[in-house]
N, C-alpha and C. Protein backbone atom coordinates (compact mmCIF):
# COMPACT_ATOMS: atom_id res chain seq x y z
N MET A 1 -6.07 3.84 -18.16
CA MET A 1 -6.89 3.54 -18.68
C MET A 1 -6.16 3.75 -20.12
N ILE A 2 -6.72 2.48 -21.25
CA ILE A 2 -6.28 2.20 -22.49
C ILE A 2 -7.78 2.87 -22.94
N GLU A 3 -7.78 3.55 -24.00
CA GLU A 3 -8.92 3.52 -24.77
C GLU A 3 -8.41 2.89 -26.21
N ILE A 4 -9.69 1.96 -26.55
CA ILE A 4 -9.67 1.41 -27.71
C ILE A 4 -10.72 1.41 -28.87
N LYS A 5 -10.84 2.23 -30.19
CA LYS A 5 -11.32 2.37 -30.88
C LYS A 5 -12.22 0.77 -30.96
N VAL A 6 -13.65 0.66 -32.16
CA VAL A 6 -13.82 -0.22 -31.56
C VAL A 6 -13.48 -0.59 -33.16
N THR A 7 -13.73 -1.22 -33.95
CA THR A 7 -13.25 -1.43 -35.60
C THR A 7 -14.21 -2.78 -36.04
N GLU A 8 -13.88 -2.65 -37.47
CA GLU A 8 -14.54 -3.77 -37.91
C GLU A 8 -14.41 -4.98 -37.89
N LYS A 9 -12.99 -5.18 -37.34
CA LYS A 9 -12.34 -6.38 -37.07
C LYS A 9 -12.75 -6.98 -35.70
N ILE A 10 -12.26 -5.98 -34.51
CA ILE A 10 -12.95 -5.98 -33.24
C ILE A 10 -14.45 -7.09 -32.94
N LEU A 11 -15.25 -5.49 -33.87
CA LEU A 11 -16.75 -6.18 -34.08
C LEU A 11 -16.80 -7.52 -33.99
N LYS A 12 -16.25 -7.87 -35.70
CA LYS A 12 -16.48 -9.06 -36.01
C LYS A 12 -15.95 -10.30 -35.48
N GLU A 13 -15.38 -9.96 -34.58
CA GLU A 13 -14.44 -10.92 -34.20
C GLU A 13 -15.04 -11.58 -32.87
N ALA A 14 -15.73 -10.04 -32.08
CA ALA A 14 -16.98 -10.18 -30.95
C ALA A 14 -18.04 -11.14 -31.15
N LYS A 15 -18.34 -10.36 -32.38
CA LYS A 15 -19.69 -11.13 -32.79
C LYS A 15 -19.71 -12.83 -32.92
N GLU A 16 -18.67 -13.06 -33.32
CA GLU A 16 -17.81 -14.95 -33.42
C GLU A 16 -18.35 -15.44 -32.42
N ARG A 17 -17.30 -14.87 -31.75
CA ARG A 17 -16.81 -15.21 -30.31
C ARG A 17 -18.67 -15.53 -30.04
N ASN A 18 -19.13 -14.42 -29.68
CA ASN A 18 -20.36 -14.43 -29.03
C ASN A 18 -21.51 -15.65 -29.50
N LYS A 19 -21.57 -15.87 -30.48
CA LYS A 19 -22.37 -16.62 -31.46
C LYS A 19 -21.87 -18.50 -30.59
N GLU A 20 -20.46 -18.27 -31.28
CA GLU A 20 -19.78 -19.54 -31.22
C GLU A 20 -20.08 -20.09 -29.22
N PHE A 21 -19.37 -19.47 -28.62
CA PHE A 21 -19.71 -19.67 -27.30
C PHE A 21 -21.05 -19.80 -26.48
N PHE A 22 -21.78 -18.96 -27.26
CA PHE A 22 -23.24 -18.90 -26.55
C PHE A 22 -24.28 -20.33 -27.33
N ASP A 23 -23.85 -20.79 -28.50
CA ASP A 23 -23.83 -22.28 -29.15
C ASP A 23 -23.51 -23.57 -28.46
N LYS A 24 -22.18 -23.20 -27.52
CA LYS A 24 -21.32 -24.21 -26.62
C LYS A 24 -21.57 -24.41 -25.60
N PHE A 25 -22.32 -22.89 -24.88
CA PHE A 25 -22.49 -23.07 -23.25
C PHE A 25 -23.37 -22.16 -22.90
N GLY A 26 -24.44 -21.65 -24.40
CA GLY A 26 -25.82 -20.94 -23.76
C GLY A 26 -25.34 -19.57 -23.06
N ASN A 27 -25.93 -19.50 -21.93
CA ASN A 27 -25.93 -18.20 -20.76
C ASN A 27 -24.95 -18.72 -19.10
N HIS A 28 -24.49 -19.74 -19.69
CA HIS A 28 -23.53 -20.82 -18.36
C HIS A 28 -22.41 -19.86 -18.41
N GLY A 29 -21.77 -19.46 -17.29
CA GLY A 29 -20.93 -18.56 -17.01
C GLY A 29 -20.59 -16.97 -17.26
N THR A 30 -21.95 -16.42 -17.40
CA THR A 30 -21.78 -14.82 -17.61
C THR A 30 -23.93 -14.62 -17.00
N HIS A 31 -23.49 -13.51 -16.53
CA HIS A 31 -24.40 -13.03 -15.89
C HIS A 31 -25.31 -12.01 -16.90
N ARG A 32 -24.66 -12.25 -18.08
CA ARG A 32 -25.61 -11.29 -18.91
C ARG A 32 -26.41 -12.57 -20.31
N THR A 33 -27.88 -12.36 -20.11
CA THR A 33 -28.63 -13.26 -20.36
C THR A 33 -28.97 -12.91 -21.90
N ASN A 34 -28.67 -11.70 -22.39
CA ASN A 34 -29.30 -11.31 -23.99
C ASN A 34 -28.11 -10.79 -24.84
N GLU A 35 -27.78 -10.99 -25.65
CA GLU A 35 -27.34 -10.55 -26.67
C GLU A 35 -26.13 -9.18 -26.31
N ARG A 36 -27.08 -8.06 -26.30
CA ARG A 36 -26.71 -7.35 -26.21
C ARG A 36 -25.45 -6.87 -24.95
N GLN A 37 -26.21 -7.56 -23.82
CA GLN A 37 -24.51 -8.00 -22.58
C GLN A 37 -24.00 -8.16 -22.75
N ARG A 38 -24.47 -9.99 -23.97
CA ARG A 38 -23.04 -10.49 -24.07
C ARG A 38 -22.35 -10.24 -24.77
N MET A 39 -22.53 -9.00 -26.06
CA MET A 39 -21.42 -8.40 -26.73
C MET A 39 -21.01 -7.54 -26.07
N THR A 40 -21.20 -6.87 -25.02
CA THR A 40 -20.83 -5.75 -23.89
C THR A 40 -18.78 -6.52 -23.69
N GLY A 41 -19.21 -7.95 -23.37
CA GLY A 41 -17.82 -8.82 -22.92
C GLY A 41 -16.86 -9.44 -23.64
N TYR A 42 -18.09 -9.74 -25.03
CA TYR A 42 -17.12 -9.96 -25.80
C TYR A 42 -16.19 -8.65 -26.64
N LEU A 43 -17.25 -7.71 -26.94
CA LEU A 43 -15.95 -6.74 -26.70
C LEU A 43 -14.71 -6.20 -27.08
N ALA A 44 -14.97 -6.53 -25.11
CA ALA A 44 -14.25 -6.04 -24.46
C ALA A 44 -12.92 -7.27 -24.64
N GLU A 45 -13.21 -8.36 -25.00
CA GLU A 45 -12.26 -9.21 -25.03
C GLU A 45 -11.50 -9.06 -26.37
N SER A 46 -11.96 -9.23 -27.39
CA SER A 46 -11.82 -9.15 -28.66
C SER A 46 -10.71 -7.69 -29.00
N ALA A 47 -11.32 -6.49 -27.61
CA ALA A 47 -10.88 -5.48 -27.66
C ALA A 47 -8.79 -5.53 -26.96
N ILE A 48 -9.10 -6.15 -25.75
CA ILE A 48 -8.03 -6.86 -25.22
C ILE A 48 -7.23 -7.40 -26.19
N LYS A 49 -7.89 -8.42 -26.79
CA LYS A 49 -7.27 -9.20 -27.57
C LYS A 49 -6.22 -8.49 -28.76
N SER A 50 -6.86 -7.58 -29.20
CA SER A 50 -6.05 -6.81 -30.57
C SER A 50 -5.34 -6.19 -29.40
N ALA A 51 -5.07 -5.29 -28.09
CA ALA A 51 -3.54 -4.98 -27.62
C ALA A 51 -2.77 -5.22 -27.01
N TYR A 52 -2.97 -6.92 -26.88
CA TYR A 52 -1.73 -7.42 -25.91
C TYR A 52 -1.87 -8.91 -26.59
N PRO A 53 -0.97 -9.30 -26.09
CA PRO A 53 -0.76 -10.66 -26.76
C PRO A 53 -0.88 -11.77 -25.82
N LEU A 54 -2.63 -11.60 -25.44
CA LEU A 54 -3.00 -12.98 -24.45
C LEU A 54 -3.60 -13.89 -25.91
N GLU A 55 -3.78 -15.00 -25.35
CA GLU A 55 -4.19 -16.38 -26.06
C GLU A 55 -5.90 -16.33 -25.17
N TYR A 56 -6.91 -16.48 -26.51
CA TYR A 56 -8.16 -16.95 -25.85
C TYR A 56 -8.84 -18.28 -24.90
N SER A 57 -8.71 -18.30 -24.08
CA SER A 57 -9.19 -19.88 -23.64
C SER A 57 -10.15 -20.44 -24.33
N ASP A 58 -10.44 -21.84 -24.07
CA ASP A 58 -11.36 -22.54 -24.79
C ASP A 58 -12.71 -22.73 -23.03
N SER A 59 -12.06 -22.12 -22.87
CA SER A 59 -13.36 -22.75 -20.98
C SER A 59 -14.15 -21.24 -20.95
N TRP A 60 -15.18 -21.85 -20.21
CA TRP A 60 -16.46 -20.86 -20.05
C TRP A 60 -15.96 -19.91 -18.53
N GLU A 61 -15.02 -20.57 -17.84
CA GLU A 61 -14.93 -20.15 -16.47
C GLU A 61 -13.31 -18.64 -16.55
N VAL A 62 -12.64 -19.03 -17.80
CA VAL A 62 -11.89 -18.39 -17.60
C VAL A 62 -11.64 -17.49 -19.60
N ASP A 63 -11.37 -16.20 -19.90
CA ASP A 63 -11.16 -16.01 -20.95
C ASP A 63 -10.29 -15.54 -21.20
N PHE A 64 -8.74 -15.85 -21.12
CA PHE A 64 -7.47 -15.57 -21.78
C PHE A 64 -6.48 -16.69 -20.68
N THR A 65 -5.83 -17.07 -21.82
CA THR A 65 -4.75 -16.87 -20.78
C THR A 65 -3.07 -16.55 -21.51
N PHE A 66 -1.83 -16.64 -20.77
CA PHE A 66 -0.85 -15.67 -20.95
C PHE A 66 0.21 -16.70 -20.62
N GLN A 67 1.18 -17.47 -21.37
CA GLN A 67 2.33 -18.30 -20.64
C GLN A 67 1.34 -18.99 -19.63
N ASP A 68 1.76 -19.08 -18.30
CA ASP A 68 1.29 -20.04 -17.43
C ASP A 68 -0.07 -19.76 -16.88
N ASN A 69 -0.38 -17.93 -16.74
CA ASN A 69 -1.45 -17.27 -16.37
C ASN A 69 -2.87 -17.88 -16.53
N THR A 70 -4.08 -17.53 -16.10
CA THR A 70 -5.51 -17.68 -16.66
C THR A 70 -5.86 -16.19 -16.17
N ILE A 71 -6.54 -15.59 -16.86
CA ILE A 71 -7.24 -14.50 -17.12
C ILE A 71 -8.64 -14.18 -17.24
N ASP A 72 -9.07 -13.46 -16.45
CA ASP A 72 -10.70 -13.14 -16.55
C ASP A 72 -10.90 -12.05 -16.92
N SER A 73 -11.86 -11.71 -18.07
CA SER A 73 -12.27 -10.55 -18.27
C SER A 73 -13.59 -10.24 -17.74
N LYS A 74 -13.73 -8.77 -17.44
CA LYS A 74 -14.85 -8.41 -16.31
C LYS A 74 -14.95 -7.36 -17.08
N ALA A 75 -16.23 -7.01 -18.02
CA ALA A 75 -16.43 -5.46 -18.33
C ALA A 75 -18.52 -5.37 -18.15
N GLN A 76 -18.10 -3.79 -18.12
CA GLN A 76 -19.82 -3.23 -17.62
C GLN A 76 -20.17 -2.19 -19.11
N GLY A 77 -21.27 -2.05 -19.67
CA GLY A 77 -21.49 -0.96 -20.19
C GLY A 77 -21.41 0.36 -19.47
N CYS A 78 -21.13 1.68 -20.05
CA CYS A 78 -21.69 2.67 -20.02
C CYS A 78 -21.64 3.84 -21.14
N ASN A 79 -22.04 5.18 -20.69
CA ASN A 79 -22.37 5.79 -21.30
C ASN A 79 -21.48 7.11 -21.19
N SER A 80 -20.45 6.75 -20.81
CA SER A 80 -19.33 8.27 -20.88
C SER A 80 -18.51 7.44 -20.67
N LYS A 81 -16.73 8.33 -20.72
CA LYS A 81 -15.55 7.56 -20.05
C LYS A 81 -15.38 7.18 -19.09
N PRO A 82 -14.62 6.16 -18.85
CA PRO A 82 -15.14 6.09 -16.48
C PRO A 82 -13.25 6.52 -15.91
N GLN A 83 -13.92 6.87 -15.31
CA GLN A 83 -12.95 7.73 -13.98
C GLN A 83 -12.26 6.52 -13.18
N SER A 84 -11.62 7.00 -12.13
CA SER A 84 -10.48 6.25 -11.96
C SER A 84 -11.01 5.84 -10.68
N TYR A 85 -12.50 6.34 -10.06
CA TYR A 85 -12.64 6.38 -8.61
C TYR A 85 -13.72 5.10 -9.05
N TYR A 86 -14.69 4.91 -10.55
CA TYR A 86 -15.70 3.81 -10.80
C TYR A 86 -15.01 2.14 -10.50
N SER A 87 -16.22 1.94 -10.02
CA SER A 87 -15.80 0.67 -9.17
C SER A 87 -15.91 -0.72 -10.64
N ALA A 88 -14.48 -1.37 -10.20
CA ALA A 88 -14.41 -2.91 -10.39
C ALA A 88 -15.36 -3.55 -9.85
N THR A 89 -15.83 -4.79 -10.58
CA THR A 89 -17.04 -5.69 -9.68
C THR A 89 -16.94 -6.67 -9.98
N LEU A 90 -17.31 -7.87 -9.13
CA LEU A 90 -17.23 -9.43 -9.50
C LEU A 90 -17.87 -9.99 -8.70
N TYR A 91 -18.93 -10.39 -9.66
CA TYR A 91 -20.20 -11.49 -8.66
C TYR A 91 -19.26 -12.04 -7.52
N GLU A 92 -20.52 -12.27 -6.29
CA GLU A 92 -19.72 -12.71 -5.12
C GLU A 92 -19.32 -14.67 -5.73
N GLU A 93 -20.30 -15.19 -6.65
CA GLU A 93 -19.95 -16.48 -6.89
C GLU A 93 -18.87 -16.63 -8.15
N GLN A 94 -18.18 -15.52 -8.24
CA GLN A 94 -17.70 -15.92 -9.62
C GLN A 94 -16.03 -16.39 -8.84
N VAL A 95 -16.09 -15.77 -7.12
CA VAL A 95 -14.80 -16.13 -6.98
C VAL A 95 -14.47 -17.54 -6.76
N ASN A 96 -15.01 -18.56 -7.43
CA ASN A 96 -14.73 -19.84 -7.46
C ASN A 96 -14.20 -19.91 -8.33
N ARG A 97 -14.34 -19.25 -9.48
CA ARG A 97 -13.27 -19.72 -10.81
C ARG A 97 -11.93 -20.12 -10.13
N ALA A 98 -11.44 -20.75 -11.60
CA ALA A 98 -9.91 -20.98 -11.21
C ALA A 98 -9.60 -20.20 -11.84
N THR A 99 -8.97 -18.81 -11.95
CA THR A 99 -8.46 -17.43 -12.18
C THR A 99 -6.91 -17.02 -11.42
N ASP A 100 -5.98 -16.62 -12.39
CA ASP A 100 -5.28 -15.79 -11.71
C ASP A 100 -5.45 -14.30 -11.20
N TYR A 101 -5.96 -14.12 -12.36
CA TYR A 101 -5.93 -12.01 -12.90
C TYR A 101 -7.21 -12.46 -13.02
N TYR A 102 -7.89 -10.95 -12.87
CA TYR A 102 -8.72 -10.17 -13.55
C TYR A 102 -8.71 -9.28 -14.30
N ILE A 103 -9.28 -8.56 -15.61
CA ILE A 103 -8.73 -7.39 -16.29
C ILE A 103 -10.39 -6.78 -16.44
N PHE A 104 -10.42 -5.35 -16.12
CA PHE A 104 -11.40 -4.98 -16.12
C PHE A 104 -11.48 -3.91 -17.25
N SER A 105 -13.23 -3.96 -17.74
CA SER A 105 -12.93 -2.91 -18.78
C SER A 105 -14.24 -2.79 -18.88
N ARG A 106 -14.78 -1.60 -19.47
CA ARG A 106 -16.02 -0.65 -19.97
C ARG A 106 -15.74 -0.63 -21.52
N VAL A 107 -17.56 -0.59 -21.91
CA VAL A 107 -17.57 -0.77 -23.05
C VAL A 107 -18.61 0.52 -23.26
N MET A 108 -18.55 1.60 -24.40
CA MET A 108 -19.35 1.99 -24.95
C MET A 108 -20.82 1.94 -24.96
N ASN A 109 -22.00 1.83 -24.33
CA ASN A 109 -22.90 1.56 -25.07
C ASN A 109 -23.24 0.96 -26.18
N ASP A 110 -23.03 2.24 -27.00
CA ASP A 110 -23.43 2.38 -28.71
C ASP A 110 -22.38 1.32 -29.08
N PHE A 111 -20.98 0.40 -28.76
CA PHE A 111 -19.86 0.07 -29.23
C PHE A 111 -19.03 0.38 -30.00
N SER A 112 -18.97 1.65 -29.79
CA SER A 112 -17.90 2.24 -30.59
C SER A 112 -16.23 2.54 -29.51
N LEU A 113 -16.50 2.22 -28.42
CA LEU A 113 -15.02 2.17 -27.53
C LEU A 113 -15.31 1.08 -27.19
N VAL A 114 -13.84 1.15 -26.24
CA VAL A 114 -13.47 0.26 -24.98
C VAL A 114 -12.36 0.85 -24.16
N TRP A 115 -12.63 0.61 -23.18
CA TRP A 115 -11.69 1.50 -22.04
C TRP A 115 -11.06 -0.02 -21.18
N ILE A 116 -9.59 -0.17 -21.29
CA ILE A 116 -9.04 -1.43 -20.72
C ILE A 116 -8.63 -0.95 -19.45
N ALA A 117 -9.37 -0.75 -17.92
CA ALA A 117 -9.07 0.21 -16.85
C ALA A 117 -7.44 -0.94 -16.02
N GLY A 118 -7.29 -2.49 -16.41
CA GLY A 118 -6.35 -2.79 -15.91
C GLY A 118 -6.52 -3.69 -15.39
N ILE A 119 -5.67 -4.21 -14.79
CA ILE A 119 -5.39 -5.93 -14.52
C ILE A 119 -4.97 -6.25 -12.66
N ILE A 120 -5.39 -7.30 -12.34
CA ILE A 120 -5.26 -7.46 -10.71
C ILE A 120 -5.27 -8.80 -10.52
N SER A 121 -4.12 -9.33 -9.97
CA SER A 121 -4.71 -10.90 -9.30
C SER A 121 -5.66 -11.04 -8.34
N LYS A 122 -5.44 -12.22 -8.61
CA LYS A 122 -7.23 -12.76 -7.97
C LYS A 122 -7.17 -12.53 -6.12
N LYS A 123 -6.10 -12.71 -5.52
CA LYS A 123 -5.70 -12.76 -4.38
C LYS A 123 -5.19 -11.34 -3.93
N ARG A 124 -4.55 -10.39 -4.99
CA ARG A 124 -5.14 -9.15 -4.45
C ARG A 124 -6.65 -8.58 -4.83
N PHE A 125 -6.96 -8.74 -5.30
CA PHE A 125 -7.99 -8.46 -5.57
C PHE A 125 -8.92 -8.67 -4.25
N LEU A 126 -9.09 -9.80 -3.75
CA LEU A 126 -9.94 -10.41 -2.79
C LEU A 126 -9.28 -9.76 -1.03
N ASN A 127 -8.01 -9.39 -1.62
CA ASN A 127 -7.20 -8.67 -0.03
C ASN A 127 -7.74 -7.51 0.12
N ILE A 128 -8.65 -6.68 -1.24
CA ILE A 128 -8.48 -5.55 -0.65
C ILE A 128 -10.41 -5.16 -1.48
N ALA A 129 -10.93 -5.29 -2.19
CA ALA A 129 -12.18 -5.63 -2.47
C ALA A 129 -13.14 -5.63 -0.70
N GLU A 130 -14.19 -5.08 -1.13
CA GLU A 130 -15.22 -5.08 -0.22
C GLU A 130 -16.35 -5.64 -1.02
N LEU A 131 -17.47 -6.63 -0.41
CA LEU A 131 -18.33 -7.54 -0.53
C LEU A 131 -19.33 -6.20 0.06
N LYS A 132 -20.35 -6.02 -1.30
CA LYS A 132 -21.13 -5.59 -1.89
C LYS A 132 -22.32 -6.71 -1.07
N PRO A 133 -23.35 -6.62 -0.16
CA PRO A 133 -24.57 -7.85 -0.25
C PRO A 133 -25.32 -7.30 -1.31
N ALA A 134 -26.02 -8.27 -2.01
CA ALA A 134 -27.72 -7.90 -2.28
C ALA A 134 -28.22 -6.93 -1.38
N GLY A 135 -28.77 -6.54 -2.31
CA GLY A 135 -30.02 -5.20 -1.94
C GLY A 135 -29.20 -3.69 -1.66
N THR A 136 -27.60 -3.71 -1.81
CA THR A 136 -26.92 -2.29 -1.11
C THR A 136 -27.33 -1.72 -1.74
N LYS A 137 -27.70 -0.30 -2.07
CA LYS A 137 -27.66 0.76 -2.32
C LYS A 137 -26.73 1.87 -2.65
N THR A 138 -26.36 1.75 -3.95
CA THR A 138 -25.50 2.88 -4.41
C THR A 138 -26.06 3.49 -5.63
N ASN A 139 -25.83 5.09 -5.03
CA ASN A 139 -26.36 6.43 -5.90
C ASN A 139 -27.79 5.58 -6.30
N ASN A 140 -28.34 5.30 -7.86
CA ASN A 140 -29.61 5.09 -7.79
C ASN A 140 -29.84 3.54 -8.15
N PHE A 141 -28.82 2.59 -7.85
CA PHE A 141 -28.95 1.33 -8.03
C PHE A 141 -28.96 0.95 -7.14
N VAL A 142 -29.50 -0.29 -7.21
CA VAL A 142 -30.05 -1.11 -6.36
C VAL A 142 -29.09 -3.04 -6.48
N TYR A 143 -27.92 -3.33 -5.71
CA TYR A 143 -27.64 -4.77 -6.50
C TYR A 143 -28.31 -5.53 -5.65
N ASP A 144 -28.63 -6.75 -7.31
CA ASP A 144 -29.69 -8.42 -7.59
C ASP A 144 -28.92 -8.90 -6.85
N GLN A 145 -27.26 -8.81 -6.71
CA GLN A 145 -26.71 -9.88 -5.77
C GLN A 145 -25.47 -9.39 -5.33
N GLY A 146 -24.53 -9.99 -4.61
CA GLY A 146 -23.94 -9.68 -4.04
C GLY A 146 -22.68 -9.80 -4.81
N ARG A 147 -21.76 -8.20 -4.93
CA ARG A 147 -20.46 -8.22 -5.21
C ARG A 147 -19.55 -7.47 -4.68
N TYR A 148 -18.36 -8.48 -5.37
CA TYR A 148 -16.73 -7.71 -4.18
C TYR A 148 -16.48 -5.74 -5.59
N GLU A 149 -16.26 -5.14 -4.85
CA GLU A 149 -15.83 -3.75 -5.63
C GLU A 149 -14.01 -3.37 -5.74
N ILE A 150 -13.42 -3.00 -6.25
CA ILE A 150 -12.66 -1.94 -5.84
C ILE A 150 -12.60 -0.73 -6.81
N GLU A 151 -11.59 0.33 -6.43
CA GLU A 151 -12.08 1.56 -7.48
C GLU A 151 -10.79 0.79 -8.69
N TYR A 152 -11.22 1.14 -10.02
CA TYR A 152 -10.32 1.66 -10.63
C TYR A 152 -9.11 1.78 -10.95
N LYS A 153 -8.57 2.42 -9.53
CA LYS A 153 -7.25 3.47 -9.78
C LYS A 153 -6.23 2.23 -8.95
N ASP A 154 -7.10 1.21 -7.93
CA ASP A 154 -6.13 -0.03 -7.90
C ASP A 154 -5.25 -0.73 -8.59
N LEU A 155 -5.98 -0.91 -10.36
CA LEU A 155 -5.57 -1.87 -10.81
C LEU A 155 -3.56 -1.57 -11.86
N LYS A 156 -3.58 -2.35 -12.37
CA LYS A 156 -2.47 -2.22 -12.35
C LYS A 156 -2.36 -1.77 -14.10
N ASP A 157 -1.34 -1.84 -14.87
CA ASP A 157 -1.56 -1.68 -16.07
C ASP A 157 -1.05 -3.24 -17.16
N ILE A 158 -2.01 -3.03 -17.76
CA ILE A 158 -2.03 -4.53 -18.35
C ILE A 158 -0.42 -4.83 -18.95
N GLY A 159 0.32 -3.95 -19.76
CA GLY A 159 1.25 -3.21 -20.58
C GLY A 159 3.07 -4.07 -19.92
N ASP A 160 2.28 -3.67 -18.20
CA ASP A 160 3.36 -3.41 -17.52
C ASP A 160 3.26 -5.81 -16.76
N PHE A 161 2.53 -5.57 -16.84
CA PHE A 161 1.72 -6.66 -16.09
C PHE A 161 2.73 -7.78 -17.68
N ILE A 162 2.53 -7.45 -18.78
CA ILE A 162 3.41 -8.27 -19.38
C ILE A 162 4.22 -9.14 -19.75
N GLN A 163 5.21 -7.39 -19.57
CA GLN A 163 6.52 -7.39 -18.97
C GLN A 163 7.03 -7.55 -17.61
N TRP A 164 6.29 -7.64 -17.07
CA TRP A 164 7.10 -8.86 -15.57
C TRP A 164 6.65 -10.16 -16.03
N VAL A 165 5.78 -10.84 -16.88
CA VAL A 165 5.64 -11.96 -17.00
C VAL A 165 6.62 -12.52 -17.75
N GLU A 166 6.67 -11.63 -18.84
CA GLU A 166 8.03 -12.13 -19.60
C GLU A 166 9.20 -12.05 -18.53
N SER A 167 9.67 -11.55 -18.04
CA SER A 167 10.74 -11.19 -17.81
C SER A 167 11.13 -12.24 -16.33
N SER A 168 10.11 -12.55 -15.65
CA SER A 168 10.08 -13.64 -14.93
C SER A 168 9.88 -15.22 -15.17
N LYS A 169 9.69 -15.25 -16.95
CA LYS A 169 10.06 -16.93 -17.32
C LYS A 169 11.01 -16.55 -17.74
N SER A 170 12.01 -15.47 -18.02
CA SER A 170 13.41 -16.00 -18.95
C SER A 170 14.47 -15.82 -17.81
N LYS A 171 13.68 -15.38 -16.50
CA LYS A 171 15.05 -15.78 -15.57
C LYS A 171 15.49 -17.34 -15.31
């Protein structure tokens, strides 16, 4: 898991992308219906972009492209450093998006830190994920919508993914 301190540059970029995409798409493509929730996602994206050579996508369906791959970023807010047994979750209807990979992150609720948990192919994610239907109770939380879940420990390092894609492309 990679920890990234949110810099002024990352914060500024996230705010600009939040405004740009909200003006263009509203809340379409996100479950984050207020600015604070949307900022969680955009901070994760900006932190990811600051650490890896991914390109932003112009689509509301996916967040990044890398060579011929599409990547969708999924982020959750948190109050402490995430652990390897924490869940990477995907809303049930989001599996219909045309993406090749998912990147999962956690963002400290005060917007000071982002943890990039890792990456996984959509195919592998769906093969190993457990679907938790709406109404499922986990600890003190009840799911309002169905979600697919895996643990962070099942994700791969993004740096390894980038090296693999680059070496595959050069062959």
